[in-house]
Amino acid sequence: MPAVTIRNLPEATHRALKARAAKHGRSTEAEIRDIIETAVRPANRVRLGSALAELGKKYGGIEISADRDQSPAPPVRLS
């Protein structure tokens, strides 16, 4: 998993992060991960499936035949 180093973080900011983490009952590192996750992946973000469904509604939608071939696939030959 990637790691990030934050240089030159003001002491007051670090103290505030530690206090916020304690308030939420987690480590400072876990608090920072939560802050970053919330900032870059907000819960109200538009997801691809939702965006495509809205686009389909906008243009009246389409009918798709979704009958799948259920027969077994032939075995793979490795020679």
PDB file of N, CA and C in Angstrom:
ATOM      1  N   MET A   1       0.833  -1.158   0.000  1.00  0.00           N
ATOM      2  CA  MET A   1       0.000   0.000   0.000  1.00  0.00           C
ATOM      3  C   MET A   1       0.895   1.243   0.000  1.00  0.00           C
ATOM      4  N   PRO A   2       0.551   2.268  -0.761  1.00  0.00           N
ATOM      5  CA  PRO A   2       1.387   3.473  -0.817  1.00  0.00           C
ATOM      6  C   PRO A   2       1.471   4.180   0.538  1.00  0.00           C
ATOM      7  N   ALA A   3       2.570   4.872   0.733  1.00  0.00           N
ATOM      8  CA  ALA A   3       2.768   5.673   1.942  1.00  0.00           C
ATOM      9  C   ALA A   3       3.046   7.112   1.532  1.00  0.00           C
ATOM     10  N   VAL A   4       2.644   8.047   2.367  1.00  0.00           N
ATOM     11  CA  VAL A   4       2.833   9.469   2.094  1.00  0.00           C
ATOM     12  C   VAL A   4       3.523  10.090   3.298  1.00  0.00           C
ATOM     13  N   THR A   5       4.502  10.936   3.033  1.00  0.00           N
ATOM     14  CA  THR A   5       5.162  11.689   4.094  1.00  0.00           C
ATOM     15  C   THR A   5       4.776  13.144   3.936  1.00  0.00           C
ATOM     16  N   ILE A   6       4.371  13.773   5.019  1.00  0.00           N
ATOM     17  CA  ILE A   6       4.019  15.188   4.980  1.00  0.00           C
ATOM     18  C   ILE A   6       5.106  15.951   5.715  1.00  0.00           C
ATOM     19  N   ARG A   7       5.809  16.796   5.002  1.00  0.00           N
ATOM     20  CA  ARG A   7       6.906  17.570   5.581  1.00  0.00           C
ATOM     21  C   ARG A   7       6.407  18.960   5.983  1.00  0.00           C
ATOM     22  N   ASN A   8       7.080  19.536   6.941  1.00  0.00           N
ATOM     23  CA  ASN A   8       6.842  20.919   7.363  1.00  0.00           C
ATOM     24  C   ASN A   8       5.409  21.164   7.836  1.00  0.00           C
ATOM     25  N   LEU A   9       4.823  20.178   8.484  1.00  0.00           N
ATOM     26  CA  LEU A   9       3.489  20.343   9.060  1.00  0.00           C
ATOM     27  C   LEU A   9       3.636  21.186  10.323  1.00  0.00           C
ATOM     28  N   PRO A  10       2.919  22.286  10.399  1.00  0.00           N
ATOM     29  CA  PRO A  10       3.044  23.126  11.602  1.00  0.00           C
ATOM     30  C   PRO A  10       2.677  22.353  12.865  1.00  0.00           C
ATOM     31  N   GLU A  11       3.373  22.644  13.950  1.00  0.00           N
ATOM     32  CA  GLU A  11       3.142  21.964  15.224  1.00  0.00           C
ATOM     33  C   GLU A  11       1.694  22.121  15.687  1.00  0.00           C
ATOM     34  N   ALA A  12       1.130  23.295  15.475  1.00  0.00           N
ATOM     35  CA  ALA A  12      -0.258  23.540  15.884  1.00  0.00           C
ATOM     36  C   ALA A  12      -1.212  22.638  15.103  1.00  0.00           C
ATOM     37  N   THR A  13      -0.935  22.420  13.829  1.00  0.00           N
ATOM     38  CA  THR A  13      -1.770  21.545  13.007  1.00  0.00           C
ATOM     39  C   THR A  13      -1.657  20.104  13.496  1.00  0.00           C
ATOM     40  N   HIS A  14      -0.454  19.686  13.836  1.00  0.00           N
ATOM     41  CA  HIS A  14      -0.251  18.325  14.335  1.00  0.00           C
ATOM     42  C   HIS A  14      -0.992  18.120  15.651  1.00  0.00           C
ATOM     43  N   ARG A  15      -0.918  19.108  16.539  1.00  0.00           N
ATOM     44  CA  ARG A  15      -1.654  19.013  17.809  1.00  0.00           C
ATOM     45  C   ARG A  15      -3.161  18.928  17.558  1.00  0.00           C
ATOM     46  N   ALA A  16      -3.653  19.719  16.606  1.00  0.00           N
ATOM     47  CA  ALA A  16      -5.087  19.699  16.285  1.00  0.00           C
ATOM     48  C   ALA A  16      -5.501  18.337  15.727  1.00  0.00           C
ATOM     49  N   LEU A  17      -4.641  17.745  14.900  1.00  0.00           N
ATOM     50  CA  LEU A  17      -4.924  16.417  14.352  1.00  0.00           C
ATOM     51  C   LEU A  17      -4.973  15.371  15.473  1.00  0.00           C
ATOM     52  N   LYS A  18      -4.021  15.452  16.400  1.00  0.00           N
ATOM     53  CA  LYS A  18      -4.000  14.511  17.514  1.00  0.00           C
ATOM     54  C   LYS A  18      -5.249  14.659  18.376  1.00  0.00           C
ATOM     55  N   ALA A  19      -5.673  15.889  18.610  1.00  0.00           N
ATOM     56  CA  ALA A  19      -6.879  16.129  19.415  1.00  0.00           C
ATOM     57  C   ALA A  19      -8.121  15.602  18.688  1.00  0.00           C
ATOM     58  N   ARG A  20      -8.189  15.845  17.391  1.00  0.00           N
ATOM     59  CA  ARG A  20      -9.331  15.365  16.604  1.00  0.00           C
ATOM     60  C   ARG A  20      -9.374  13.837  16.593  1.00  0.00           C
ATOM     61  N   ALA A  21      -8.201  13.218  16.466  1.00  0.00           N
ATOM     62  CA  ALA A  21      -8.126  11.757  16.473  1.00  0.00           C
ATOM     63  C   ALA A  21      -8.600  11.204  17.817  1.00  0.00           C
ATOM     64  N   ALA A  22      -8.164  11.806  18.892  1.00  0.00           N
ATOM     65  CA  ALA A  22      -8.572  11.357  20.218  1.00  0.00           C
ATOM     66  C   ALA A  22     -10.089  11.493  20.388  1.00  0.00           C
ATOM     67  N   LYS A  23     -10.639  12.573  19.885  1.00  0.00           N
ATOM     68  CA  LYS A  23     -12.090  12.796  19.964  1.00  0.00           C
ATOM     69  C   LYS A  23     -12.855  11.680  19.249  1.00  0.00           C
ATOM     70  N   HIS A  24     -12.275  11.180  18.123  1.00  0.00           N
ATOM     71  CA  HIS A  24     -12.925  10.125  17.345  1.00  0.00           C
ATOM     72  C   HIS A  24     -12.473   8.725  17.766  1.00  0.00           C
ATOM     73  N   GLY A  25     -11.598   8.653  18.766  1.00  0.00           N
ATOM     74  CA  GLY A  25     -11.171   7.356  19.289  1.00  0.00           C
ATOM     75  C   GLY A  25     -10.287   6.567  18.348  1.00  0.00           C
ATOM     76  N   ARG A  26      -9.428   7.247  17.614  1.00  0.00           N
ATOM     77  CA  ARG A  26      -8.517   6.530  16.712  1.00  0.00           C
ATOM     78  C   ARG A  26      -7.145   7.193  16.719  1.00  0.00           C
ATOM     79  N   SER A  27      -6.195   6.561  16.059  1.00  0.00           N
ATOM     80  CA  SER A  27      -4.837   7.096  16.001  1.00  0.00           C
ATOM     81  C   SER A  27      -4.790   8.325  15.096  1.00  0.00           C
ATOM     82  N   THR A  28      -3.741   9.105  15.254  1.00  0.00           N
ATOM     83  CA  THR A  28      -3.564  10.276  14.395  1.00  0.00           C
ATOM     84  C   THR A  28      -3.467   9.844  12.938  1.00  0.00           C
ATOM     85  N   GLU A  29      -2.753   8.759  12.687  1.00  0.00           N
ATOM     86  CA  GLU A  29      -2.610   8.256  11.319  1.00  0.00           C
ATOM     87  C   GLU A  29      -3.965   7.858  10.732  1.00  0.00           C
ATOM     88  N   ALA A  30      -4.783   7.168  11.517  1.00  0.00           N
ATOM     89  CA  ALA A  30      -6.115   6.775  11.043  1.00  0.00           C
ATOM     90  C   ALA A  30      -6.985   8.004  10.788  1.00  0.00           C
ATOM     91  N   GLU A  31      -6.841   9.018  11.632  1.00  0.00           N
ATOM     92  CA  GLU A  31      -7.608  10.255  11.448  1.00  0.00           C
ATOM     93  C   GLU A  31      -7.218  10.951  10.144  1.00  0.00           C
ATOM     94  N   ILE A  32      -5.917  10.996   9.869  1.00  0.00           N
ATOM     95  CA  ILE A  32      -5.442  11.619   8.631  1.00  0.00           C
ATOM     96  C   ILE A  32      -5.958  10.846   7.414  1.00  0.00           C
ATOM     97  N   ARG A  33      -5.938   9.499   7.488  1.00  0.00           N
ATOM     98  CA  ARG A  33      -6.480   8.695   6.383  1.00  0.00           C
ATOM     99  C   ARG A  33      -7.947   9.013   6.152  1.00  0.00           C
ATOM    100  N   ASP A  34      -8.713   9.135   7.242  1.00  0.00           N
ATOM    101  CA  ASP A  34     -10.138   9.444   7.118  1.00  0.00           C
ATOM    102  C   ASP A  34     -10.356  10.823   6.505  1.00  0.00           C
ATOM    103  N   ILE A  35      -9.584  11.807   6.924  1.00  0.00           N
ATOM    104  CA  ILE A  35      -9.707  13.164   6.377  1.00  0.00           C
ATOM    105  C   ILE A  35      -9.421  13.158   4.880  1.00  0.00           C
ATOM    106  N   ILE A  36      -8.357  12.489   4.477  1.00  0.00           N
ATOM    107  CA  ILE A  36      -7.991  12.447   3.056  1.00  0.00           C
ATOM    108  C   ILE A  36      -9.051  11.696   2.257  1.00  0.00           C
ATOM    109  N   GLU A  37      -9.497  10.557   2.767  1.00  0.00           N
ATOM    110  CA  GLU A  37     -10.521   9.759   2.072  1.00  0.00           C
ATOM    111  C   GLU A  37     -11.799  10.567   1.870  1.00  0.00           C
ATOM    112  N   THR A  38     -12.228  11.266   2.901  1.00  0.00           N
ATOM    113  CA  THR A  38     -13.436  12.083   2.814  1.00  0.00           C
ATOM    114  C   THR A  38     -13.263  13.221   1.813  1.00  0.00           C
ATOM    115  N   ALA A  39     -12.067  13.784   1.764  1.00  0.00           N
ATOM    116  CA  ALA A  39     -11.814  14.912   0.852  1.00  0.00           C
ATOM    117  C   ALA A  39     -11.806  14.481  -0.612  1.00  0.00           C
ATOM    118  N   VAL A  40     -11.217  13.346  -0.906  1.00  0.00           N
ATOM    119  CA  VAL A  40     -11.065  12.960  -2.317  1.00  0.00           C
ATOM    120  C   VAL A  40     -12.137  12.000  -2.810  1.00  0.00           C
ATOM    121  N   ARG A  41     -12.866  11.363  -1.885  1.00  0.00           N
ATOM    122  CA  ARG A  41     -13.935  10.437  -2.277  1.00  0.00           C
ATOM    123  C   ARG A  41     -15.177  10.699  -1.441  1.00  0.00           C
ATOM    124  N   PRO A  42     -15.801  11.866  -1.623  1.00  0.00           N
ATOM    125  CA  PRO A  42     -16.972  12.185  -0.801  1.00  0.00           C
ATOM    126  C   PRO A  42     -18.122  11.204  -1.042  1.00  0.00           C
ATOM    127  N   ALA A  43     -18.915  10.999  -0.013  1.00  0.00           N
ATOM    128  CA  ALA A  43     -20.025  10.043  -0.085  1.00  0.00           C
ATOM    129  C   ALA A  43     -21.054  10.430  -1.144  1.00  0.00           C
ATOM    130  N   ASN A  44     -21.187  11.723  -1.434  1.00  0.00           N
ATOM    131  CA  ASN A  44     -22.198  12.169  -2.391  1.00  0.00           C
ATOM    132  C   ASN A  44     -21.668  12.265  -3.822  1.00  0.00           C
ATOM    133  N   ARG A  45     -20.511  11.658  -4.085  1.00  0.00           N
ATOM    134  CA  ARG A  45     -19.955  11.723  -5.435  1.00  0.00           C
ATOM    135  C   ARG A  45     -20.826  10.933  -6.414  1.00  0.00           C
ATOM    136  N   VAL A  46     -20.814  11.346  -7.657  1.00  0.00           N
ATOM    137  CA  VAL A  46     -21.577  10.643  -8.687  1.00  0.00           C
ATOM    138  C   VAL A  46     -20.775   9.422  -9.114  1.00  0.00           C
ATOM    139  N   ARG A  47     -21.409   8.291  -9.089  1.00  0.00           N
ATOM    140  CA  ARG A  47     -20.744   7.051  -9.493  1.00  0.00           C
ATOM    141  C   ARG A  47     -21.110   6.721 -10.932  1.00  0.00           C
ATOM    142  N   LEU A  48     -20.273   5.977 -11.596  1.00  0.00           N
ATOM    143  CA  LEU A  48     -20.437   5.691 -13.010  1.00  0.00           C
ATOM    144  C   LEU A  48     -21.789   5.061 -13.326  1.00  0.00           C
ATOM    145  N   GLY A  49     -22.191   4.058 -12.582  1.00  0.00           N
ATOM    146  CA  GLY A  49     -23.467   3.388 -12.849  1.00  0.00           C
ATOM    147  C   GLY A  49     -24.644   4.346 -12.724  1.00  0.00           C
ATOM    148  N   SER A  50     -24.603   5.185 -11.694  1.00  0.00           N
ATOM    149  CA  SER A  50     -25.675   6.164 -11.504  1.00  0.00           C
ATOM    150  C   SER A  50     -25.700   7.172 -12.639  1.00  0.00           C
ATOM    151  N   ALA A  51     -24.521   7.621 -13.063  1.00  0.00           N
ATOM    152  CA  ALA A  51     -24.443   8.588 -14.161  1.00  0.00           C
ATOM    153  C   ALA A  51     -24.979   7.979 -15.455  1.00  0.00           C
ATOM    154  N   LEU A  52     -24.645   6.729 -15.721  1.00  0.00           N
ATOM    155  CA  LEU A  52     -25.136   6.074 -16.938  1.00  0.00           C
ATOM    156  C   LEU A  52     -26.648   5.859 -16.872  1.00  0.00           C
ATOM    157  N   ALA A  53     -27.173   5.509 -15.708  1.00  0.00           N
ATOM    158  CA  ALA A  53     -28.617   5.323 -15.562  1.00  0.00           C
ATOM    159  C   ALA A  53     -29.348   6.636 -15.809  1.00  0.00           C
ATOM    160  N   GLU A  54     -28.821   7.742 -15.280  1.00  0.00           N
ATOM    161  CA  GLU A  54     -29.429   9.055 -15.505  1.00  0.00           C
ATOM    162  C   GLU A  54     -29.397   9.431 -16.976  1.00  0.00           C
ATOM    163  N   LEU A  55     -28.286   9.141 -17.625  1.00  0.00           N
ATOM    164  CA  LEU A  55     -28.166   9.430 -19.059  1.00  0.00           C
ATOM    165  C   LEU A  55     -29.198   8.628 -19.847  1.00  0.00           C
ATOM    166  N   GLY A  56     -29.384   7.364 -19.487  1.00  0.00           N
ATOM    167  CA  GLY A  56     -30.381   6.533 -20.151  1.00  0.00           C
ATOM    168  C   GLY A  56     -31.779   7.088 -19.966  1.00  0.00           C
ATOM    169  N   LYS A  57     -32.107   7.542 -18.744  1.00  0.00           N
ATOM    170  CA  LYS A  57     -33.428   8.133 -18.484  1.00  0.00           C
ATOM    171  C   LYS A  57     -33.631   9.399 -19.319  1.00  0.00           C
ATOM    172  N   LYS A  58     -32.574  10.188 -19.416  1.00  0.00           N
ATOM    173  CA  LYS A  58     -32.654  11.456 -20.152  1.00  0.00           C
ATOM    174  C   LYS A  58     -33.050  11.225 -21.607  1.00  0.00           C
ATOM    175  N   TYR A  59     -32.562  10.146 -22.197  1.00  0.00           N
ATOM    176  CA  TYR A  59     -32.829   9.876 -23.616  1.00  0.00           C
ATOM    177  C   TYR A  59     -33.872   8.774 -23.823  1.00  0.00           C
ATOM    178  N   GLY A  60     -34.640   8.456 -22.800  1.00  0.00           N
ATOM    179  CA  GLY A  60     -35.741   7.509 -22.950  1.00  0.00           C
ATOM    180  C   GLY A  60     -35.373   6.062 -22.730  1.00  0.00           C
ATOM    181  N   GLY A  61     -34.150   5.755 -22.454  1.00  0.00           N
ATOM    182  CA  GLY A  61     -33.725   4.389 -22.184  1.00  0.00           C
ATOM    183  C   GLY A  61     -33.687   3.522 -23.426  1.00  0.00           C
ATOM    184  N   ILE A  62     -33.192   2.320 -23.264  1.00  0.00           N
ATOM    185  CA  ILE A  62     -33.120   1.348 -24.358  1.00  0.00           C
ATOM    186  C   ILE A  62     -33.473  -0.027 -23.813  1.00  0.00           C
ATOM    187  N   GLU A  63     -33.884  -0.902 -24.695  1.00  0.00           N
ATOM    188  CA  GLU A  63     -34.162  -2.282 -24.310  1.00  0.00           C
ATOM    189  C   GLU A  63     -32.985  -3.146 -24.755  1.00  0.00           C
ATOM    190  N   ILE A  64     -32.485  -3.942 -23.844  1.00  0.00           N
ATOM    191  CA  ILE A  64     -31.361  -4.822 -24.148  1.00  0.00           C
ATOM    192  C   ILE A  64     -31.774  -6.251 -23.845  1.00  0.00           C
ATOM    193  N   SER A  65     -31.526  -7.142 -24.796  1.00  0.00           N
ATOM    194  CA  SER A  65     -31.776  -8.548 -24.553  1.00  0.00           C
ATOM    195  C   SER A  65     -30.610  -9.083 -23.721  1.00  0.00           C
ATOM    196  N   ALA A  66     -30.919  -9.643 -22.578  1.00  0.00           N
ATOM    197  CA  ALA A  66     -29.867 -10.089 -21.679  1.00  0.00           C
ATOM    198  C   ALA A  66     -29.867 -11.608 -21.518  1.00  0.00           C
ATOM    199  N   ASP A  67     -30.259 -12.342 -22.558  1.00  0.00           N
ATOM    200  CA  ASP A  67     -30.239 -13.798 -22.491  1.00  0.00           C
ATOM    201  C   ASP A  67     -28.802 -14.277 -22.604  1.00  0.00           C
ATOM    202  N   ARG A  68     -28.351 -15.018 -21.584  1.00  0.00           N
ATOM    203  CA  ARG A  68     -26.981 -15.512 -21.578  1.00  0.00           C
ATOM    204  C   ARG A  68     -26.932 -16.935 -22.072  1.00  0.00           C
ATOM    205  N   ASP A  69     -25.856 -17.248 -22.780  1.00  0.00           N
ATOM    206  CA  ASP A  69     -25.600 -18.622 -23.197  1.00  0.00           C
ATOM    207  C   ASP A  69     -25.103 -19.375 -21.963  1.00  0.00           C
ATOM    208  N   GLN A  70     -25.862 -20.327 -21.485  1.00  0.00           N
ATOM    209  CA  GLN A  70     -25.524 -21.064 -20.273  1.00  0.00           C
ATOM    210  C   GLN A  70     -24.749 -22.358 -20.554  1.00  0.00           C
ATOM    211  N   SER A  71     -24.448 -22.642 -21.831  1.00  0.00           N
ATOM    212  CA  SER A  71     -23.727 -23.880 -22.139  1.00  0.00           C
ATOM    213  C   SER A  71     -22.284 -23.776 -21.658  1.00  0.00           C
ATOM    214  N   PRO A  72     -21.692 -24.897 -21.251  1.00  0.00           N
ATOM    215  CA  PRO A  72     -20.322 -24.860 -20.742  1.00  0.00           C
ATOM    216  C   PRO A  72     -19.330 -24.469 -21.837  1.00  0.00           C
ATOM    217  N   ALA A  73     -18.303 -23.768 -21.441  1.00  0.00           N
ATOM    218  CA  ALA A  73     -17.250 -23.380 -22.383  1.00  0.00           C
ATOM    219  C   ALA A  73     -16.398 -24.607 -22.703  1.00  0.00           C
ATOM    220  N   PRO A  74     -15.856 -24.662 -23.921  1.00  0.00           N
ATOM    221  CA  PRO A  74     -14.989 -25.806 -24.253  1.00  0.00           C
ATOM    222  C   PRO A  74     -13.697 -25.735 -23.432  1.00  0.00           C
ATOM    223  N   PRO A  75     -13.099 -26.876 -23.143  1.00  0.00           N
ATOM    224  CA  PRO A  75     -11.865 -26.873 -22.352  1.00  0.00           C
ATOM    225  C   PRO A  75     -10.735 -26.167 -23.096  1.00  0.00           C
ATOM    226  N   VAL A  76      -9.838 -25.597 -22.333  1.00  0.00           N
ATOM    227  CA  VAL A  76      -8.697 -24.896 -22.899  1.00  0.00           C
ATOM    228  C   VAL A  76      -7.640 -25.920 -23.296  1.00  0.00           C
ATOM    229  N   ARG A  77      -7.082 -25.739 -24.497  1.00  0.00           N
ATOM    230  CA  ARG A  77      -6.011 -26.633 -24.963  1.00  0.00           C
ATOM    231  C   ARG A  77      -4.693 -25.913 -24.807  1.00  0.00           C
ATOM    232  N   LEU A  78      -3.787 -26.464 -24.051  1.00  0.00           N
ATOM    233  CA  LEU A  78      -2.514 -25.826 -23.780  1.00  0.00           C
ATOM    234  C   LEU A  78      -1.377 -26.398 -24.625  1.00  0.00           C
ATOM    235  N   SER A  79      -1.664 -27.189 -25.598  1.00  0.00           N
ATOM    236  CA  SER A  79      -0.594 -27.778 -26.401  1.00  0.00           C
ATOM    237  C   SER A  79      -0.342 -26.979 -27.662  1.00  0.00           C
TER     238      SER A  79
END
